[in-house]
Protein backbone atom coordinates (compact mmCIF):
# COMPACT_ATOMS: atom_id res chain seq x y z
CA UNK A 1 0.00 0.00 0.00
CA UNK A 2 2.89 2.35 0.80
CA UNK A 3 4.46 1.78 -2.61
CA UNK A 4 1.13 2.49 -4.31
CA UNK A 5 0.78 5.78 -2.42
CA UNK A 6 4.30 6.85 -3.38
CA UNK A 7 3.68 5.94 -7.00
CA UNK A 8 0.45 7.95 -7.06
CA UNK A 9 2.15 10.98 -5.51
CA UNK A 10 5.00 10.87 -8.03
CA UNK A 11 2.55 10.52 -10.89
CA UNK A 12 0.61 13.49 -9.57
CA UNK A 13 3.73 15.61 -9.34
CA UNK A 14 4.74 14.74 -12.89
CA UNK A 15 1.25 15.56 -14.12
CA UNK A 16 1.28 18.91 -12.34
CA UNK A 17 4.64 19.71 -13.85
CA UNK A 18 3.29 19.10 -17.33
CA UNK A 19 0.31 21.46 -17.27
CA UNK A 20 0.58 25.04 -18.52
CA UNK A 21 -2.58 26.76 -17.27
CA UNK A 22 -4.48 27.28 -14.05
CA UNK A 23 -7.36 25.33 -15.57
CA UNK A 24 -4.99 22.47 -16.31
CA UNK A 25 -3.77 22.46 -12.70
CA UNK A 26 -7.35 22.19 -11.46
CA UNK A 27 -8.08 19.29 -13.77
CA UNK A 28 -4.86 17.52 -12.77
CA UNK A 29 -5.66 17.92 -9.06
CA UNK A 30 -9.15 16.59 -9.61
CA UNK A 31 -7.84 13.51 -11.44
CA UNK A 32 -5.22 12.88 -8.75
CA UNK A 33 -7.88 13.19 -6.05
CA UNK A 34 -10.14 10.75 -7.84
CA UNK A 35 -7.28 8.27 -8.19
CA UNK A 36 -6.38 8.51 -4.51
CA UNK A 37 -10.04 8.15 -3.52
CA UNK A 38 -10.37 5.03 -5.64
CA UNK A 39 -7.22 3.55 -4.10
CA UNK A 40 -8.47 4.32 -0.60
CA UNK A 41 -11.76 2.50 -1.24
CA UNK A 42 -9.94 -0.71 -2.20
PDB file of N, CA and C in Angstrom:
ATOM      1  N   UNK A   1       0.829  -1.194   0.000  1.00  0.00           N
ATOM      2  CA  UNK A   1       0.000   0.000   0.000  1.00  0.00           C
ATOM      3  C   UNK A   1       0.877   1.262   0.000  1.00  0.00           C
ATOM      4  N   UNK A   2       1.990   1.196   0.737  1.00  0.00           N
ATOM      5  CA  UNK A   2       2.888   2.353   0.796  1.00  0.00           C
ATOM      6  C   UNK A   2       3.486   2.643  -0.573  1.00  0.00           C
ATOM      7  N   UNK A   3       3.878   1.588  -1.284  1.00  0.00           N
ATOM      8  CA  UNK A   3       4.459   1.778  -2.613  1.00  0.00           C
ATOM      9  C   UNK A   3       3.444   2.383  -3.574  1.00  0.00           C
ATOM     10  N   UNK A   4       2.187   1.956  -3.457  1.00  0.00           N
ATOM     11  CA  UNK A   4       1.131   2.494  -4.312  1.00  0.00           C
ATOM     12  C   UNK A   4       0.935   3.981  -4.043  1.00  0.00           C
ATOM     13  N   UNK A   5       0.941   4.369  -2.783  1.00  0.00           N
ATOM     14  CA  UNK A   5       0.780   5.779  -2.422  1.00  0.00           C
ATOM     15  C   UNK A   5       1.926   6.620  -2.977  1.00  0.00           C
ATOM     16  N   UNK A   6       3.143   6.123  -2.860  1.00  0.00           N
ATOM     17  CA  UNK A   6       4.299   6.849  -3.381  1.00  0.00           C
ATOM     18  C   UNK A   6       4.205   6.979  -4.894  1.00  0.00           C
ATOM     19  N   UNK A   7       3.826   5.916  -5.550  1.00  0.00           N
ATOM     20  CA  UNK A   7       3.677   5.940  -7.005  1.00  0.00           C
ATOM     21  C   UNK A   7       2.628   6.961  -7.428  1.00  0.00           C
ATOM     22  N   UNK A   8       1.511   6.994  -6.722  1.00  0.00           N
ATOM     23  CA  UNK A   8       0.450   7.948  -7.060  1.00  0.00           C
ATOM     24  C   UNK A   8       0.912   9.390  -6.837  1.00  0.00           C
ATOM     25  N   UNK A   9       1.647   9.630  -5.777  1.00  0.00           N
ATOM     26  CA  UNK A   9       2.146  10.983  -5.514  1.00  0.00           C
ATOM     27  C   UNK A   9       3.138  11.414  -6.593  1.00  0.00           C
ATOM     28  N   UNK A  10       4.032  10.526  -6.981  1.00  0.00           N
ATOM     29  CA  UNK A  10       5.002  10.867  -8.030  1.00  0.00           C
ATOM     30  C   UNK A  10       4.300  11.131  -9.359  1.00  0.00           C
ATOM     31  N   UNK A  11       3.312  10.322  -9.662  1.00  0.00           N
ATOM     32  CA  UNK A  11       2.545  10.523 -10.891  1.00  0.00           C
ATOM     33  C   UNK A  11       1.841  11.870 -10.862  1.00  0.00           C
ATOM     34  N   UNK A  12       1.271  12.199  -9.713  1.00  0.00           N
ATOM     35  CA  UNK A  12       0.609  13.489  -9.573  1.00  0.00           C
ATOM     36  C   UNK A  12       1.567  14.656  -9.764  1.00  0.00           C
ATOM     37  N   UNK A  13       2.747  14.547  -9.188  1.00  0.00           N
ATOM     38  CA  UNK A  13       3.734  15.614  -9.341  1.00  0.00           C
ATOM     39  C   UNK A  13       4.167  15.775 -10.789  1.00  0.00           C
ATOM     40  N   UNK A  14       4.360  14.674 -11.478  1.00  0.00           N
ATOM     41  CA  UNK A  14       4.741  14.743 -12.891  1.00  0.00           C
ATOM     42  C   UNK A  14       3.627  15.364 -13.723  1.00  0.00           C
ATOM     43  N   UNK A  15       2.399  15.021 -13.395  1.00  0.00           N
ATOM     44  CA  UNK A  15       1.255  15.563 -14.120  1.00  0.00           C
ATOM     45  C   UNK A  15       1.144  17.064 -13.892  1.00  0.00           C
ATOM     46  N   UNK A  16       1.336  17.484 -12.635  1.00  0.00           N
ATOM     47  CA  UNK A  16       1.278  18.913 -12.338  1.00  0.00           C
ATOM     48  C   UNK A  16       2.389  19.675 -13.051  1.00  0.00           C
ATOM     49  N   UNK A  17       3.530  19.062 -13.170  1.00  0.00           N
ATOM     50  CA  UNK A  17       4.643  19.709 -13.851  1.00  0.00           C
ATOM     51  C   UNK A  17       4.407  19.868 -15.340  1.00  0.00           C
ATOM     52  N   UNK A  18       3.523  19.078 -15.896  1.00  0.00           N
ATOM     53  CA  UNK A  18       3.291  19.097 -17.335  1.00  0.00           C
ATOM     54  C   UNK A  18       2.220  20.091 -17.761  1.00  0.00           C
ATOM     55  N   UNK A  19       1.409  20.581 -16.848  1.00  0.00           N
ATOM     56  CA  UNK A  19       0.309  21.456 -17.266  1.00  0.00           C
ATOM     57  C   UNK A  19       0.771  22.904 -17.362  1.00  0.00           C
ATOM     58  N   UNK A  20       0.130  23.667 -18.235  1.00  0.00           N
ATOM     59  CA  UNK A  20       0.576  25.036 -18.520  1.00  0.00           C
ATOM     60  C   UNK A  20      -0.388  26.112 -18.045  1.00  0.00           C
ATOM     61  N   UNK A  21      -1.589  25.743 -17.630  1.00  0.00           N
ATOM     62  CA  UNK A  21      -2.576  26.759 -17.273  1.00  0.00           C
ATOM     63  C   UNK A  21      -3.172  26.468 -15.909  1.00  0.00           C
ATOM     64  N   UNK A  22      -3.807  27.455 -15.336  1.00  0.00           N
ATOM     65  CA  UNK A  22      -4.483  27.280 -14.047  1.00  0.00           C
ATOM     66  C   UNK A  22      -5.605  26.257 -14.199  1.00  0.00           C
ATOM     67  N   UNK A  23      -6.297  26.292 -15.313  1.00  0.00           N
ATOM     68  CA  UNK A  23      -7.365  25.327 -15.566  1.00  0.00           C
ATOM     69  C   UNK A  23      -6.787  23.916 -15.610  1.00  0.00           C
ATOM     70  N   UNK A  24      -5.644  23.768 -16.235  1.00  0.00           N
ATOM     71  CA  UNK A  24      -4.988  22.466 -16.311  1.00  0.00           C
ATOM     72  C   UNK A  24      -4.596  21.951 -14.938  1.00  0.00           C
ATOM     73  N   UNK A  25      -4.129  22.848 -14.061  1.00  0.00           N
ATOM     74  CA  UNK A  25      -3.766  22.455 -12.701  1.00  0.00           C
ATOM     75  C   UNK A  25      -4.995  21.927 -11.975  1.00  0.00           C
ATOM     76  N   UNK A  26      -6.109  22.627 -12.109  1.00  0.00           N
ATOM     77  CA  UNK A  26      -7.351  22.194 -11.458  1.00  0.00           C
ATOM     78  C   UNK A  26      -7.786  20.822 -11.942  1.00  0.00           C
ATOM     79  N   UNK A  27      -7.697  20.593 -13.216  1.00  0.00           N
ATOM     80  CA  UNK A  27      -8.078  19.290 -13.769  1.00  0.00           C
ATOM     81  C   UNK A  27      -7.128  18.204 -13.286  1.00  0.00           C
ATOM     82  N   UNK A  28      -5.848  18.501 -13.236  1.00  0.00           N
ATOM     83  CA  UNK A  28      -4.865  17.522 -12.772  1.00  0.00           C
ATOM     84  C   UNK A  28      -5.104  17.168 -11.308  1.00  0.00           C
ATOM     85  N   UNK A  29      -5.384  18.173 -10.481  1.00  0.00           N
ATOM     86  CA  UNK A  29      -5.656  17.918  -9.064  1.00  0.00           C
ATOM     87  C   UNK A  29      -6.914  17.076  -8.882  1.00  0.00           C
ATOM     88  N   UNK A  30      -7.909  17.349  -9.695  1.00  0.00           N
ATOM     89  CA  UNK A  30      -9.152  16.588  -9.610  1.00  0.00           C
ATOM     90  C   UNK A  30      -8.910  15.123  -9.987  1.00  0.00           C
ATOM     91  N   UNK A  31      -8.146  14.880 -11.031  1.00  0.00           N
ATOM     92  CA  UNK A  31      -7.838  13.507 -11.439  1.00  0.00           C
ATOM     93  C   UNK A  31      -7.022  12.784 -10.367  1.00  0.00           C
ATOM     94  N   UNK A  32      -6.045  13.481  -9.796  1.00  0.00           N
ATOM     95  CA  UNK A  32      -5.220  12.880  -8.749  1.00  0.00           C
ATOM     96  C   UNK A  32      -6.076  12.551  -7.537  1.00  0.00           C
ATOM     97  N   UNK A  33      -6.984  13.439  -7.177  1.00  0.00           N
ATOM     98  CA  UNK A  33      -7.876  13.194  -6.051  1.00  0.00           C
ATOM     99  C   UNK A  33      -8.770  12.004  -6.299  1.00  0.00           C
ATOM    100  N   UNK A  34      -9.289  11.880  -7.496  1.00  0.00           N
ATOM    101  CA  UNK A  34     -10.141  10.748  -7.840  1.00  0.00           C
ATOM    102  C   UNK A  34      -9.363   9.434  -7.773  1.00  0.00           C
ATOM    103  N   UNK A  35      -8.128   9.464  -8.228  1.00  0.00           N
ATOM    104  CA  UNK A  35      -7.284   8.271  -8.194  1.00  0.00           C
ATOM    105  C   UNK A  35      -7.000   7.847  -6.750  1.00  0.00           C
ATOM    106  N   UNK A  36      -6.667   8.824  -5.915  1.00  0.00           N
ATOM    107  CA  UNK A  36      -6.384   8.511  -4.507  1.00  0.00           C
ATOM    108  C   UNK A  36      -7.647   8.004  -3.801  1.00  0.00           C
ATOM    109  N   UNK A  37      -8.781   8.586  -4.131  1.00  0.00           N
ATOM    110  CA  UNK A  37     -10.040   8.152  -3.521  1.00  0.00           C
ATOM    111  C   UNK A  37     -10.351   6.712  -3.918  1.00  0.00           C
ATOM    112  N   UNK A  38     -10.135   6.392  -5.184  1.00  0.00           N
ATOM    113  CA  UNK A  38     -10.369   5.026  -5.644  1.00  0.00           C
ATOM    114  C   UNK A  38      -9.434   4.034  -4.967  1.00  0.00           C
ATOM    115  N   UNK A  39      -8.184   4.423  -4.768  1.00  0.00           N
ATOM    116  CA  UNK A  39      -7.215   3.546  -4.100  1.00  0.00           C
ATOM    117  C   UNK A  39      -7.590   3.362  -2.633  1.00  0.00           C
ATOM    118  N   UNK A  40      -8.102   4.406  -2.019  1.00  0.00           N
ATOM    119  CA  UNK A  40      -8.466   4.323  -0.599  1.00  0.00           C
ATOM    120  C   UNK A  40      -9.676   3.412  -0.384  1.00  0.00           C
ATOM    121  N   UNK A  41     -10.568   3.342  -1.365  1.00  0.00           N
ATOM    122  CA  UNK A  41     -11.763   2.498  -1.237  1.00  0.00           C
ATOM    123  C   UNK A  41     -11.435   1.018  -1.357  1.00  0.00           C
ATOM    124  N   UNK A  42     -10.310   0.691  -1.991  1.00  0.00           N
ATOM    125  CA  UNK A  42      -9.939  -0.715  -2.203  1.00  0.00           C
ATOM    126  C   UNK A  42      -9.421  -1.347  -0.978  1.00  0.00           C
TER     127      UNK A  42
END
